[in-house]
Amino acid sequence: MKLPLTGGCNCGAVRYEVSEPLVRASYCHCRRCQRRTGTAASAQAHPAPESFRIVAGEDRLRVWRPESGGEKWFCGECGSALFGSNPAHPESIGIRLGTFDDDPGVRPSVRQFVAYAAPWEPIPDDGLPRFPESRHASDGR
């Protein structure tokens, strides 16, 4: 893996980089992620604190801030979902794995919000730990 890791949106307006190896990756099965992505689960990578930064197109970023839960950041030009953040867990940014230019060098190691899993796509028997709600509920973060 070559650092920095780079990525961005479909139209190229927004670009980011990650200066350190990613800490972990996860799947989220919540209804918001299902509706945001149109898929059964959202795969996301979690960078080390202070290692993620927008390098181009910050003015093109848009955010949806639901009443509860994390912020959803996307490109205002093409609509690509790029990353999420949660003020309650500022160290835990979730960069959408599909937005990296190359292999980010990390694989999802946990599934969260499985209580809301899509009935039309069963969760695979992959041996990953599963949490009915947020993984943070079990580790105190």
Protein backbone atom coordinates (compact mmCIF):
# COMPACT_ATOMS: atom_id res chain seq x y z
CA MET A 1 0.00 0.00 0.00
CA LYS A 2 1.31 3.41 -1.01
CA LEU A 3 0.58 6.45 1.15
CA PRO A 4 -1.13 8.77 0.96
CA LEU A 5 -4.26 6.88 0.02
CA THR A 6 -6.36 8.94 -2.37
CA GLY A 7 -9.94 8.99 -3.51
CA GLY A 8 -12.86 11.11 -4.52
CA CYS A 9 -16.26 11.40 -6.12
CA ASN A 10 -17.48 10.22 -9.53
CA CYS A 11 -17.10 13.57 -11.30
CA GLY A 12 -13.69 14.37 -9.76
CA ALA A 13 -14.80 17.63 -8.14
CA VAL A 14 -14.00 16.40 -4.61
CA ARG A 15 -10.70 14.71 -3.82
CA TYR A 16 -9.31 13.49 -0.49
CA GLU A 17 -6.25 11.80 0.92
CA VAL A 18 -5.43 9.70 3.96
CA SER A 19 -1.87 10.08 5.23
CA GLU A 20 -1.68 7.01 7.51
CA PRO A 21 -2.76 3.38 7.17
CA LEU A 22 -6.45 2.88 7.85
CA VAL A 23 -7.36 1.68 11.35
CA ARG A 24 -10.30 -0.58 10.47
CA ALA A 25 -13.22 -1.05 8.14
CA SER A 26 -16.82 -2.00 8.82
CA TYR A 27 -20.21 -2.71 7.30
CA CYS A 28 -23.27 -0.74 8.37
CA HIS A 29 -26.71 -2.27 7.80
CA CYS A 30 -28.83 0.66 9.10
CA ARG A 31 -31.80 1.93 7.07
CA ARG A 32 -30.10 5.28 6.44
CA CYS A 33 -27.13 3.58 4.82
CA GLN A 34 -29.47 1.37 2.80
CA ARG A 35 -31.36 4.38 1.50
CA ARG A 36 -28.23 6.48 0.99
CA THR A 37 -26.45 3.80 -1.03
CA GLY A 38 -29.32 1.80 -2.51
CA THR A 39 -27.63 -1.34 -1.20
CA ALA A 40 -28.06 -3.69 1.76
CA ALA A 41 -24.98 -2.40 3.62
CA SER A 42 -22.44 0.39 3.44
CA ALA A 43 -18.75 -0.56 3.53
CA GLN A 44 -16.56 2.09 5.10
CA ALA A 45 -12.97 2.58 6.23
CA HIS A 46 -11.97 4.37 9.40
CA PRO A 47 -8.78 6.46 9.29
CA ALA A 48 -6.49 7.32 12.16
CA PRO A 49 -7.39 10.63 13.81
CA GLU A 50 -6.15 13.69 11.91
CA SER A 51 -5.06 11.61 8.86
CA PHE A 52 -8.03 12.35 6.55
CA ARG A 53 -8.25 15.60 4.64
CA ILE A 54 -10.04 17.07 1.66
CA VAL A 55 -7.47 18.21 -0.93
CA ALA A 56 -9.80 19.56 -3.64
CA GLY A 57 -13.42 20.58 -3.98
CA GLU A 58 -14.23 21.39 -0.36
CA ASP A 59 -16.65 24.01 -1.68
CA ARG A 60 -18.48 21.27 -3.60
CA LEU A 61 -19.15 19.18 -0.48
CA ARG A 62 -22.68 19.05 0.88
CA VAL A 63 -23.84 17.52 4.13
CA TRP A 64 -27.04 16.04 5.48
CA ARG A 65 -27.28 16.32 9.25
CA PRO A 66 -30.11 14.10 10.49
CA GLU A 67 -31.62 14.82 13.91
CA SER A 68 -29.88 11.75 15.30
CA GLY A 69 -26.84 9.88 14.06
CA GLY A 70 -23.92 10.97 11.98
CA GLU A 71 -23.49 13.51 9.23
CA LYS A 72 -23.51 12.25 5.64
CA TRP A 73 -21.12 14.12 3.33
CA PHE A 74 -21.46 13.93 -0.46
CA CYS A 75 -20.47 15.72 -3.65
CA GLY A 76 -22.96 18.46 -4.54
CA GLU A 77 -22.17 18.00 -8.26
CA CYS A 78 -22.52 14.25 -8.86
CA GLY A 79 -24.11 13.10 -5.59
CA SER A 80 -21.41 10.57 -4.68
CA ALA A 81 -21.54 9.58 -1.01
CA LEU A 82 -18.00 10.14 0.28
CA PHE A 83 -17.78 9.93 4.05
CA GLY A 84 -19.67 10.20 7.28
CA SER A 85 -18.84 11.63 10.64
CA ASN A 86 -20.56 11.69 13.99
CA PRO A 87 -20.11 14.58 16.44
CA ALA A 88 -20.60 12.08 19.28
CA HIS A 89 -17.56 10.11 17.99
CA PRO A 90 -15.36 12.71 16.23
CA GLU A 91 -12.46 10.27 15.94
CA SER A 92 -14.57 7.88 13.88
CA ILE A 93 -14.87 9.09 10.30
CA GLY A 94 -16.26 6.53 7.87
CA ILE A 95 -14.91 6.87 4.32
CA ARG A 96 -16.95 4.92 1.78
CA LEU A 97 -14.68 2.11 0.57
CA GLY A 98 -15.86 2.45 -3.02
CA THR A 99 -14.48 5.99 -3.25
CA PHE A 100 -10.79 5.05 -2.90
CA ASP A 101 -8.73 5.17 -6.09
CA ASP A 102 -6.92 1.92 -5.29
CA ASP A 103 -7.09 -0.92 -2.77
CA PRO A 104 -7.12 0.81 0.62
CA GLY A 105 -5.39 -2.15 2.26
CA VAL A 106 -8.11 -2.86 4.83
CA ARG A 107 -11.10 -5.20 4.91
CA PRO A 108 -14.29 -4.87 6.94
CA SER A 109 -13.92 -6.60 10.31
CA VAL A 110 -17.33 -5.94 11.89
CA ARG A 111 -21.01 -5.57 10.97
CA GLN A 112 -23.17 -3.08 12.86
CA PHE A 113 -26.89 -2.23 12.94
CA VAL A 114 -27.68 -5.78 11.81
CA ALA A 115 -31.09 -5.50 13.53
CA TYR A 116 -32.07 -3.48 10.43
CA ALA A 117 -30.54 -5.78 7.82
CA ALA A 118 -32.37 -5.85 4.49
CA PRO A 119 -34.61 -8.91 4.27
CA TRP A 120 -33.94 -9.19 0.54
CA GLU A 121 -30.19 -9.76 1.00
CA PRO A 122 -29.19 -12.09 3.83
CA ILE A 123 -26.01 -11.22 5.70
CA PRO A 124 -23.31 -13.65 4.55
CA ASP A 125 -21.89 -16.17 7.00
CA ASP A 126 -18.46 -14.52 6.97
CA GLY A 127 -17.59 -14.91 10.66
CA LEU A 128 -17.43 -11.16 11.30
CA PRO A 129 -18.69 -9.94 14.70
CA ARG A 130 -22.25 -8.61 14.49
CA PHE A 131 -23.84 -5.86 16.56
CA PRO A 132 -27.61 -5.25 16.57
CA GLU A 133 -26.98 -1.50 16.95
CA SER A 134 -23.79 0.61 16.87
CA ARG A 135 -20.50 -1.13 17.56
CA HIS A 136 -19.79 1.82 19.90
CA ALA A 137 -22.56 0.64 22.24
CA SER A 138 -20.44 -2.37 23.19
CA ASP A 139 -17.03 -0.71 23.58
CA GLY A 140 -18.07 2.41 25.49
CA ARG A 141 -17.18 4.78 22.63
